[in-house]
Amino acid sequence: MPLSVARARLFQLAELVRSSGDDTAVVLEQRGGGEGVALVREARLNYLEDRVSQMEKPSEKPFTLAGSLSSDLDEAALSDVLKDLRKAWGSTPSRWKP
């Protein structure tokens, strides 16, 4: 929504965001102003900031594989087999269905 229009309807837009669900946002844009700004509920902003900070924290416990894997293949042969499997999957592996 252009900023000039939003300015005249600011109270209506604030009420729209306030009374709507958590994920409602009104994006305001200014001609030639580059990136727009968003009008969101304070609770939603707090939630998003918290999620980002959680995602930026390093994992408390790094992933480790339980058990071991053994094969009769040498390193080069195993690498070739894995490459072939990746090619067979294509760009996105299909989901496993039991």
PDB file of N, CA and C in Angstrom:
ATOM      1  N   MET A   1       0.848  -1.158   0.000  1.00  0.00           N
ATOM      2  CA  MET A   1       0.000   0.000   0.000  1.00  0.00           C
ATOM      3  C   MET A   1       0.903   1.234   0.000  1.00  0.00           C
ATOM      4  N   PRO A   2       0.621   2.198  -0.863  1.00  0.00           N
ATOM      5  CA  PRO A   2       1.441   3.416  -0.877  1.00  0.00           C
ATOM      6  C   PRO A   2       1.345   4.153   0.460  1.00  0.00           C
ATOM      7  N   LEU A   3       2.442   4.723   0.874  1.00  0.00           N
ATOM      8  CA  LEU A   3       2.513   5.426   2.155  1.00  0.00           C
ATOM      9  C   LEU A   3       1.532   6.586   2.218  1.00  0.00           C
ATOM     10  N   SER A   4       1.340   7.281   1.107  1.00  0.00           N
ATOM     11  CA  SER A   4       0.412   8.412   1.105  1.00  0.00           C
ATOM     12  C   SER A   4      -1.017   7.964   1.387  1.00  0.00           C
ATOM     13  N   VAL A   5      -1.408   6.809   0.889  1.00  0.00           N
ATOM     14  CA  VAL A   5      -2.745   6.270   1.159  1.00  0.00           C
ATOM     15  C   VAL A   5      -2.820   5.782   2.604  1.00  0.00           C
ATOM     16  N   ALA A   6      -1.771   5.109   3.048  1.00  0.00           N
ATOM     17  CA  ALA A   6      -1.745   4.560   4.403  1.00  0.00           C
ATOM     18  C   ALA A   6      -1.820   5.654   5.457  1.00  0.00           C
ATOM     19  N   ARG A   7      -1.182   6.791   5.185  1.00  0.00           N
ATOM     20  CA  ARG A   7      -1.187   7.893   6.152  1.00  0.00           C
ATOM     21  C   ARG A   7      -2.617   8.325   6.464  1.00  0.00           C
ATOM     22  N   ALA A   8      -3.457   8.424   5.442  1.00  0.00           N
ATOM     23  CA  ALA A   8      -4.839   8.852   5.637  1.00  0.00           C
ATOM     24  C   ALA A   8      -5.670   7.776   6.338  1.00  0.00           C
ATOM     25  N   ARG A   9      -5.251   6.523   6.232  1.00  0.00           N
ATOM     26  CA  ARG A   9      -6.031   5.424   6.805  1.00  0.00           C
ATOM     27  C   ARG A   9      -5.298   4.739   7.956  1.00  0.00           C
ATOM     28  N   LEU A  10      -4.365   5.409   8.578  1.00  0.00           N
ATOM     29  CA  LEU A  10      -3.513   4.791   9.593  1.00  0.00           C
ATOM     30  C   LEU A  10      -4.307   4.135  10.724  1.00  0.00           C
ATOM     31  N   PHE A  11      -5.311   4.810  11.254  1.00  0.00           N
ATOM     32  CA  PHE A  11      -6.071   4.250  12.367  1.00  0.00           C
ATOM     33  C   PHE A  11      -6.870   3.026  11.928  1.00  0.00           C
ATOM     34  N   GLN A  12      -7.412   3.047  10.706  1.00  0.00           N
ATOM     35  CA  GLN A  12      -8.133   1.890  10.180  1.00  0.00           C
ATOM     36  C   GLN A  12      -7.178   0.709   9.995  1.00  0.00           C
ATOM     37  N   LEU A  13      -5.991   0.992   9.468  1.00  0.00           N
ATOM     38  CA  LEU A  13      -5.019  -0.073   9.257  1.00  0.00           C
ATOM     39  C   LEU A  13      -4.533  -0.656  10.578  1.00  0.00           C
ATOM     40  N   ALA A  14      -4.313   0.203  11.553  1.00  0.00           N
ATOM     41  CA  ALA A  14      -3.889  -0.271  12.879  1.00  0.00           C
ATOM     42  C   ALA A  14      -4.964  -1.170  13.476  1.00  0.00           C
ATOM     43  N   GLU A  15      -6.216  -0.807  13.330  1.00  0.00           N
ATOM     44  CA  GLU A  15      -7.315  -1.621  13.857  1.00  0.00           C
ATOM     45  C   GLU A  15      -7.431  -2.933  13.097  1.00  0.00           C
ATOM     46  N   LEU A  16      -7.213  -2.888  11.788  1.00  0.00           N
ATOM     47  CA  LEU A  16      -7.240  -4.108  10.980  1.00  0.00           C
ATOM     48  C   LEU A  16      -6.186  -5.094  11.478  1.00  0.00           C
ATOM     49  N   VAL A  17      -4.976  -4.619  11.677  1.00  0.00           N
ATOM     50  CA  VAL A  17      -3.893  -5.487  12.146  1.00  0.00           C
ATOM     51  C   VAL A  17      -4.176  -5.959  13.570  1.00  0.00           C
ATOM     52  N   ARG A  18      -4.641  -5.064  14.415  1.00  0.00           N
ATOM     53  CA  ARG A  18      -4.921  -5.394  15.820  1.00  0.00           C
ATOM     54  C   ARG A  18      -5.994  -6.472  15.940  1.00  0.00           C
ATOM     55  N   SER A  19      -7.019  -6.405  15.103  1.00  0.00           N
ATOM     56  CA  SER A  19      -8.149  -7.325  15.229  1.00  0.00           C
ATOM     57  C   SER A  19      -7.997  -8.589  14.386  1.00  0.00           C
ATOM     58  N   SER A  20      -6.972  -8.663  13.575  1.00  0.00           N
ATOM     59  CA  SER A  20      -6.767  -9.831  12.718  1.00  0.00           C
ATOM     60  C   SER A  20      -5.874 -10.858  13.406  1.00  0.00           C
ATOM     61  N   GLY A  21      -5.629 -11.938  12.719  1.00  0.00           N
ATOM     62  CA  GLY A  21      -4.767 -12.994  13.250  1.00  0.00           C
ATOM     63  C   GLY A  21      -3.334 -12.528  13.398  1.00  0.00           C
ATOM     64  N   ASP A  22      -2.546 -13.348  14.075  1.00  0.00           N
ATOM     65  CA  ASP A  22      -1.154 -13.008  14.366  1.00  0.00           C
ATOM     66  C   ASP A  22      -0.305 -12.761  13.128  1.00  0.00           C
ATOM     67  N   ASP A  23      -0.642 -13.412  12.007  1.00  0.00           N
ATOM     68  CA  ASP A  23       0.217 -13.298  10.839  1.00  0.00           C
ATOM     69  C   ASP A  23      -0.184 -12.190   9.876  1.00  0.00           C
ATOM     70  N   THR A  24      -1.120 -11.345  10.252  1.00  0.00           N
ATOM     71  CA  THR A  24      -1.540 -10.245   9.388  1.00  0.00           C
ATOM     72  C   THR A  24      -0.510  -9.127   9.416  1.00  0.00           C
ATOM     73  N   ALA A  25      -0.177  -8.638   8.227  1.00  0.00           N
ATOM     74  CA  ALA A  25       0.769  -7.530   8.108  1.00  0.00           C
ATOM     75  C   ALA A  25       0.315  -6.625   6.977  1.00  0.00           C
ATOM     76  N   VAL A  26       0.503  -5.334   7.148  1.00  0.00           N
ATOM     77  CA  VAL A  26       0.239  -4.360   6.094  1.00  0.00           C
ATOM     78  C   VAL A  26       1.594  -3.780   5.699  1.00  0.00           C
ATOM     79  N   VAL A  27       1.946  -3.922   4.421  1.00  0.00           N
ATOM     80  CA  VAL A  27       3.232  -3.426   3.943  1.00  0.00           C
ATOM     81  C   VAL A  27       3.023  -2.059   3.322  1.00  0.00           C
ATOM     82  N   LEU A  28       3.789  -1.085   3.810  1.00  0.00           N
ATOM     83  CA  LEU A  28       3.708   0.286   3.335  1.00  0.00           C
ATOM     84  C   LEU A  28       4.915   0.584   2.455  1.00  0.00           C
ATOM     85  N   GLU A  29       4.658   1.173   1.299  1.00  0.00           N
ATOM     86  CA  GLU A  29       5.734   1.462   0.354  1.00  0.00           C
ATOM     87  C   GLU A  29       5.724   2.933  -0.016  1.00  0.00           C
ATOM     88  N   GLN A  30       6.891   3.470  -0.186  1.00  0.00           N
ATOM     89  CA  GLN A  30       7.029   4.857  -0.598  1.00  0.00           C
ATOM     90  C   GLN A  30       7.684   4.882  -1.974  1.00  0.00           C
ATOM     91  N   ARG A  31       7.142   5.700  -2.870  1.00  0.00           N
ATOM     92  CA  ARG A  31       7.695   5.770  -4.222  1.00  0.00           C
ATOM     93  C   ARG A  31       9.185   6.055  -4.171  1.00  0.00           C
ATOM     94  N   GLY A  32       9.951   5.212  -4.842  1.00  0.00           N
ATOM     95  CA  GLY A  32      11.391   5.401  -4.882  1.00  0.00           C
ATOM     96  C   GLY A  32      12.077   5.214  -3.543  1.00  0.00           C
ATOM     97  N   GLY A  33      11.349   4.707  -2.569  1.00  0.00           N
ATOM     98  CA  GLY A  33      11.899   4.582  -1.220  1.00  0.00           C
ATOM     99  C   GLY A  33      12.567   3.261  -0.930  1.00  0.00           C
ATOM    100  N   GLY A  34      12.659   2.390  -1.921  1.00  0.00           N
ATOM    101  CA  GLY A  34      13.305   1.104  -1.679  1.00  0.00           C
ATOM    102  C   GLY A  34      12.410   0.155  -0.921  1.00  0.00           C
ATOM    103  N   GLU A  35      12.966  -0.472   0.077  1.00  0.00           N
ATOM    104  CA  GLU A  35      12.257  -1.503   0.830  1.00  0.00           C
ATOM    105  C   GLU A  35      11.067  -0.935   1.593  1.00  0.00           C
ATOM    106  N   GLY A  36       9.957  -1.660   1.588  1.00  0.00           N
ATOM    107  CA  GLY A  36       8.774  -1.241   2.326  1.00  0.00           C
ATOM    108  C   GLY A  36       8.920  -1.520   3.809  1.00  0.00           C
ATOM    109  N   VAL A  37       7.975  -1.009   4.563  1.00  0.00           N
ATOM    110  CA  VAL A  37       7.929  -1.275   5.998  1.00  0.00           C
ATOM    111  C   VAL A  37       6.606  -1.966   6.301  1.00  0.00           C
ATOM    112  N   ALA A  38       6.579  -2.743   7.381  1.00  0.00           N
ATOM    113  CA  ALA A  38       5.388  -3.525   7.694  1.00  0.00           C
ATOM    114  C   ALA A  38       4.771  -3.090   9.019  1.00  0.00           C
ATOM    115  N   LEU A  39       3.470  -3.073   9.023  1.00  0.00           N
ATOM    116  CA  LEU A  39       2.697  -2.801  10.231  1.00  0.00           C
ATOM    117  C   LEU A  39       2.194  -4.155  10.728  1.00  0.00           C
ATOM    118  N   VAL A  40       2.684  -4.584  11.905  1.00  0.00           N
ATOM    119  CA  VAL A  40       2.312  -5.882  12.473  1.00  0.00           C
ATOM    120  C   VAL A  40       1.978  -5.707  13.946  1.00  0.00           C
ATOM    121  N   ARG A  41       1.314  -6.709  14.518  1.00  0.00           N
ATOM    122  CA  ARG A  41       1.029  -6.683  15.950  1.00  0.00           C
ATOM    123  C   ARG A  41       2.324  -6.824  16.727  1.00  0.00           C
ATOM    124  N   GLU A  42       2.400  -6.170  17.866  1.00  0.00           N
ATOM    125  CA  GLU A  42       3.602  -6.224  18.700  1.00  0.00           C
ATOM    126  C   GLU A  42       3.909  -7.653  19.127  1.00  0.00           C
ATOM    127  N   ALA A  43       2.870  -8.424  19.445  1.00  0.00           N
ATOM    128  CA  ALA A  43       3.081  -9.808  19.858  1.00  0.00           C
ATOM    129  C   ALA A  43       3.713 -10.619  18.736  1.00  0.00           C
ATOM    130  N   ARG A  44       3.296 -10.365  17.493  1.00  0.00           N
ATOM    131  CA  ARG A  44       3.865 -11.086  16.353  1.00  0.00           C
ATOM    132  C   ARG A  44       5.334 -10.712  16.146  1.00  0.00           C
ATOM    133  N   LEU A  45       5.646  -9.429  16.276  1.00  0.00           N
ATOM    134  CA  LEU A  45       7.028  -8.976  16.149  1.00  0.00           C
ATOM    135  C   LEU A  45       7.895  -9.626  17.221  1.00  0.00           C
ATOM    136  N   ASN A  46       7.410  -9.657  18.459  1.00  0.00           N
ATOM    137  CA  ASN A  46       8.165 -10.299  19.545  1.00  0.00           C
ATOM    138  C   ASN A  46       8.396 -11.775  19.251  1.00  0.00           C
ATOM    139  N   TYR A  47       7.360 -12.453  18.743  1.00  0.00           N
ATOM    140  CA  TYR A  47       7.469 -13.865  18.405  1.00  0.00           C
ATOM    141  C   TYR A  47       8.528 -14.070  17.316  1.00  0.00           C
ATOM    142  N   LEU A  48       8.473 -13.276  16.259  1.00  0.00           N
ATOM    143  CA  LEU A  48       9.423 -13.423  15.154  1.00  0.00           C
ATOM    144  C   LEU A  48      10.860 -13.133  15.604  1.00  0.00           C
ATOM    145  N   GLU A  49      11.025 -12.106  16.411  1.00  0.00           N
ATOM    146  CA  GLU A  49      12.365 -11.802  16.923  1.00  0.00           C
ATOM    147  C   GLU A  49      12.894 -12.944  17.782  1.00  0.00           C
ATOM    148  N   ASP A  50      12.021 -13.542  18.599  1.00  0.00           N
ATOM    149  CA  ASP A  50      12.425 -14.661  19.447  1.00  0.00           C
ATOM    150  C   ASP A  50      12.814 -15.866  18.596  1.00  0.00           C
ATOM    151  N   ARG A  51      12.036 -16.157  17.554  1.00  0.00           N
ATOM    152  CA  ARG A  51      12.342 -17.295  16.668  1.00  0.00           C
ATOM    153  C   ARG A  51      13.686 -17.098  15.970  1.00  0.00           C
ATOM    154  N   VAL A  52      13.941 -15.893  15.506  1.00  0.00           N
ATOM    155  CA  VAL A  52      15.209 -15.621  14.832  1.00  0.00           C
ATOM    156  C   VAL A  52      16.363 -15.807  15.801  1.00  0.00           C
ATOM    157  N   SER A  53      16.218 -15.303  17.019  1.00  0.00           N
ATOM    158  CA  SER A  53      17.319 -15.451  17.989  1.00  0.00           C
ATOM    159  C   SER A  53      17.534 -16.916  18.343  1.00  0.00           C
ATOM    160  N   GLN A  54      16.469 -17.723  18.397  1.00  0.00           N
ATOM    161  CA  GLN A  54      16.615 -19.154  18.665  1.00  0.00           C
ATOM    162  C   GLN A  54      17.328 -19.852  17.512  1.00  0.00           C
ATOM    163  N   MET A  55      17.012 -19.452  16.286  1.00  0.00           N
ATOM    164  CA  MET A  55      17.636 -20.069  15.114  1.00  0.00           C
ATOM    165  C   MET A  55      19.111 -19.699  14.995  1.00  0.00           C
ATOM    166  N   GLU A  56      19.479 -18.529  15.496  1.00  0.00           N
ATOM    167  CA  GLU A  56      20.862 -18.086  15.408  1.00  0.00           C
ATOM    168  C   GLU A  56      21.753 -18.707  16.473  1.00  0.00           C
ATOM    169  N   LYS A  57      21.146 -19.272  17.524  1.00  0.00           N
ATOM    170  CA  LYS A  57      21.927 -19.920  18.577  1.00  0.00           C
ATOM    171  C   LYS A  57      22.494 -21.223  18.041  1.00  0.00           C
ATOM    172  N   PRO A  58      23.733 -21.530  18.406  1.00  0.00           N
ATOM    173  CA  PRO A  58      24.272 -22.830  18.001  1.00  0.00           C
ATOM    174  C   PRO A  58      23.533 -23.950  18.733  1.00  0.00           C
ATOM    175  N   SER A  59      23.461 -25.075  18.117  1.00  0.00           N
ATOM    176  CA  SER A  59      22.796 -26.221  18.722  1.00  0.00           C
ATOM    177  C   SER A  59      23.508 -26.597  20.016  1.00  0.00           C
ATOM    178  N   GLU A  60      22.732 -26.868  21.057  1.00  0.00           N
ATOM    179  CA  GLU A  60      23.326 -27.230  22.338  1.00  0.00           C
ATOM    180  C   GLU A  60      24.025 -28.583  22.255  1.00  0.00           C
ATOM    181  N   LYS A  61      23.457 -29.475  21.480  1.00  0.00           N
ATOM    182  CA  LYS A  61      24.032 -30.804  21.369  1.00  0.00           C
ATOM    183  C   LYS A  61      24.183 -31.114  19.880  1.00  0.00           C
ATOM    184  N   PRO A  62      25.396 -31.219  19.399  1.00  0.00           N
ATOM    185  CA  PRO A  62      25.580 -31.493  17.975  1.00  0.00           C
ATOM    186  C   PRO A  62      25.055 -32.875  17.602  1.00  0.00           C
ATOM    187  N   PHE A  63      24.658 -33.009  16.361  1.00  0.00           N
ATOM    188  CA  PHE A  63      24.145 -34.280  15.862  1.00  0.00           C
ATOM    189  C   PHE A  63      25.260 -35.319  15.819  1.00  0.00           C
ATOM    190  N   THR A  64      24.973 -36.487  16.340  1.00  0.00           N
ATOM    191  CA  THR A  64      25.917 -37.600  16.220  1.00  0.00           C
ATOM    192  C   THR A  64      25.135 -38.826  15.778  1.00  0.00           C
ATOM    193  N   LEU A  65      25.748 -39.624  14.982  1.00  0.00           N
ATOM    194  CA  LEU A  65      25.128 -40.837  14.479  1.00  0.00           C
ATOM    195  C   LEU A  65      25.313 -41.952  15.498  1.00  0.00           C
ATOM    196  N   ALA A  66      24.212 -42.565  15.867  1.00  0.00           N
ATOM    197  CA  ALA A  66      24.293 -43.684  16.803  1.00  0.00           C
ATOM    198  C   ALA A  66      24.647 -44.935  16.015  1.00  0.00           C
ATOM    199  N   GLY A  67      25.635 -45.648  16.450  1.00  0.00           N
ATOM    200  CA  GLY A  67      26.040 -46.861  15.760  1.00  0.00           C
ATOM    201  C   GLY A  67      27.102 -46.577  14.728  1.00  0.00           C
ATOM    202  N   SER A  68      27.288 -47.526  13.823  1.00  0.00           N
ATOM    203  CA  SER A  68      28.308 -47.360  12.799  1.00  0.00           C
ATOM    204  C   SER A  68      27.822 -47.975  11.497  1.00  0.00           C
ATOM    205  N   LEU A  69      28.505 -47.649  10.436  1.00  0.00           N
ATOM    206  CA  LEU A  69      28.184 -48.141   9.115  1.00  0.00           C
ATOM    207  C   LEU A  69      29.421 -48.832   8.571  1.00  0.00           C
ATOM    208  N   SER A  70      29.241 -50.025   8.075  1.00  0.00           N
ATOM    209  CA  SER A  70      30.393 -50.715   7.492  1.00  0.00           C
ATOM    210  C   SER A  70      30.059 -51.147   6.078  1.00  0.00           C
ATOM    211  N   SER A  71      31.080 -51.240   5.251  1.00  0.00           N
ATOM    212  CA  SER A  71      30.901 -51.593   3.851  1.00  0.00           C
ATOM    213  C   SER A  71      32.161 -52.263   3.346  1.00  0.00           C
ATOM    214  N   ASP A  72      31.980 -53.114   2.338  1.00  0.00           N
ATOM    215  CA  ASP A  72      33.133 -53.759   1.705  1.00  0.00           C
ATOM    216  C   ASP A  72      33.746 -52.871   0.634  1.00  0.00           C
ATOM    217  N   LEU A  73      33.112 -51.715   0.365  1.00  0.00           N
ATOM    218  CA  LEU A  73      33.600 -50.804  -0.672  1.00  0.00           C
ATOM    219  C   LEU A  73      34.764 -49.975  -0.162  1.00  0.00           C
ATOM    220  N   ASP A  74      35.689 -49.675  -1.054  1.00  0.00           N
ATOM    221  CA  ASP A  74      36.741 -48.739  -0.663  1.00  0.00           C
ATOM    222  C   ASP A  74      36.184 -47.314  -0.761  1.00  0.00           C
ATOM    223  N   GLU A  75      36.944 -46.346  -0.326  1.00  0.00           N
ATOM    224  CA  GLU A  75      36.491 -44.943  -0.255  1.00  0.00           C
ATOM    225  C   GLU A  75      35.998 -44.425  -1.611  1.00  0.00           C
ATOM    226  N   ALA A  76      36.732 -44.697  -2.678  1.00  0.00           N
ATOM    227  CA  ALA A  76      36.358 -44.204  -4.014  1.00  0.00           C
ATOM    228  C   ALA A  76      35.074 -44.865  -4.509  1.00  0.00           C
ATOM    229  N   ALA A  77      34.950 -46.172  -4.302  1.00  0.00           N
ATOM    230  CA  ALA A  77      33.752 -46.889  -4.748  1.00  0.00           C
ATOM    231  C   ALA A  77      32.515 -46.424  -3.979  1.00  0.00           C
ATOM    232  N   LEU A  78      32.658 -46.234  -2.682  1.00  0.00           N
ATOM    233  CA  LEU A  78      31.545 -45.736  -1.872  1.00  0.00           C
ATOM    234  C   LEU A  78      31.125 -44.348  -2.332  1.00  0.00           C
ATOM    235  N   SER A  79      32.086 -43.502  -2.610  1.00  0.00           N
ATOM    236  CA  SER A  79      31.799 -42.156  -3.101  1.00  0.00           C
ATOM    237  C   SER A  79      31.033 -42.216  -4.418  1.00  0.00           C
ATOM    238  N   ASP A  80      31.435 -43.121  -5.320  1.00  0.00           N
ATOM    239  CA  ASP A  80      30.744 -43.275  -6.609  1.00  0.00           C
ATOM    240  C   ASP A  80      29.305 -43.743  -6.422  1.00  0.00           C
ATOM    241  N   VAL A  81      29.105 -44.694  -5.521  1.00  0.00           N
ATOM    242  CA  VAL A  81      27.757 -45.196  -5.252  1.00  0.00           C
ATOM    243  C   VAL A  81      26.876 -44.074  -4.705  1.00  0.00           C
ATOM    244  N   LEU A  82      27.404 -43.296  -3.779  1.00  0.00           N
ATOM    245  CA  LEU A  82      26.627 -42.190  -3.212  1.00  0.00           C
ATOM    246  C   LEU A  82      26.291 -41.143  -4.272  1.00  0.00           C
ATOM    247  N   LYS A  83      27.231 -40.843  -5.168  1.00  0.00           N
ATOM    248  CA  LYS A  83      26.959 -39.908  -6.262  1.00  0.00           C
ATOM    249  C   LYS A  83      25.852 -40.422  -7.164  1.00  0.00           C
ATOM    250  N   ASP A  84      25.887 -41.715  -7.477  1.00  0.00           N
ATOM    251  CA  ASP A  84      24.842 -42.315  -8.316  1.00  0.00           C
ATOM    252  C   ASP A  84      23.477 -42.236  -7.639  1.00  0.00           C
ATOM    253  N   LEU A  85      23.446 -42.479  -6.332  1.00  0.00           N
ATOM    254  CA  LEU A  85      22.179 -42.373  -5.599  1.00  0.00           C
ATOM    255  C   LEU A  85      21.622 -40.955  -5.648  1.00  0.00           C
ATOM    256  N   ARG A  86      22.493 -39.959  -5.464  1.00  0.00           N
ATOM    257  CA  ARG A  86      22.050 -38.568  -5.520  1.00  0.00           C
ATOM    258  C   ARG A  86      21.488 -38.219  -6.891  1.00  0.00           C
ATOM    259  N   LYS A  87      22.145 -38.708  -7.948  1.00  0.00           N
ATOM    260  CA  LYS A  87      21.654 -38.468  -9.308  1.00  0.00           C
ATOM    261  C   LYS A  87      20.299 -39.126  -9.514  1.00  0.00           C
ATOM    262  N   ALA A  88      20.127 -40.334  -8.993  1.00  0.00           N
ATOM    263  CA  ALA A  88      18.864 -41.061  -9.141  1.00  0.00           C
ATOM    264  C   ALA A  88      17.727 -40.348  -8.419  1.00  0.00           C
ATOM    265  N   TRP A  89      18.039 -39.699  -7.312  1.00  0.00           N
ATOM    266  CA  TRP A  89      17.019 -38.957  -6.566  1.00  0.00           C
ATOM    267  C   TRP A  89      16.582 -37.712  -7.312  1.00  0.00           C
ATOM    268  N   GLY A  90      17.442 -37.158  -8.139  1.00  0.00           N
ATOM    269  CA  GLY A  90      17.139 -35.898  -8.795  1.00  0.00           C
ATOM    270  C   GLY A  90      17.445 -34.754  -7.859  1.00  0.00           C
ATOM    271  N   SER A  91      16.910 -33.587  -8.164  1.00  0.00           N
ATOM    272  CA  SER A  91      17.212 -32.409  -7.353  1.00  0.00           C
ATOM    273  C   SER A  91      16.550 -32.465  -5.987  1.00  0.00           C
ATOM    274  N   THR A  92      15.393 -33.151  -5.887  1.00  0.00           N
ATOM    275  CA  THR A  92      14.699 -33.268  -4.609  1.00  0.00           C
ATOM    276  C   THR A  92      14.405 -34.732  -4.333  1.00  0.00           C
ATOM    277  N   PRO A  93      14.939 -35.290  -3.271  1.00  0.00           N
ATOM    278  CA  PRO A  93      14.653 -36.691  -2.969  1.00  0.00           C
ATOM    279  C   PRO A  93      13.167 -36.902  -2.718  1.00  0.00           C
ATOM    280  N   SER A  94      12.635 -38.019  -3.186  1.00  0.00           N
ATOM    281  CA  SER A  94      11.231 -38.310  -2.943  1.00  0.00           C
ATOM    282  C   SER A  94      11.072 -38.758  -1.503  1.00  0.00           C
ATOM    283  N   ARG A  95       9.862 -38.605  -1.000  1.00  0.00           N
ATOM    284  CA  ARG A  95       9.593 -39.021   0.382  1.00  0.00           C
ATOM    285  C   ARG A  95       9.476 -40.525   0.462  1.00  0.00           C
ATOM    286  N   TRP A  96       9.989 -41.068   1.550  1.00  0.00           N
ATOM    287  CA  TRP A  96       9.884 -42.487   1.785  1.00  0.00           C
ATOM    288  C   TRP A  96       8.491 -42.791   2.264  1.00  0.00           C
ATOM    289  N   LYS A  97       7.886 -43.810   1.696  1.00  0.00           N
ATOM    290  CA  LYS A  97       6.544 -44.224   2.118  1.00  0.00           C
ATOM    291  C   LYS A  97       6.613 -45.655   2.604  1.00  0.00           C
ATOM    292  N   PRO A  98       6.203 -45.892   3.847  1.00  0.00           N
ATOM    293  CA  PRO A  98       6.284 -47.261   4.401  1.00  0.00           C
ATOM    294  C   PRO A  98       5.309 -48.189   3.714  1.00  0.00           C
TER     295      PRO A  98
END
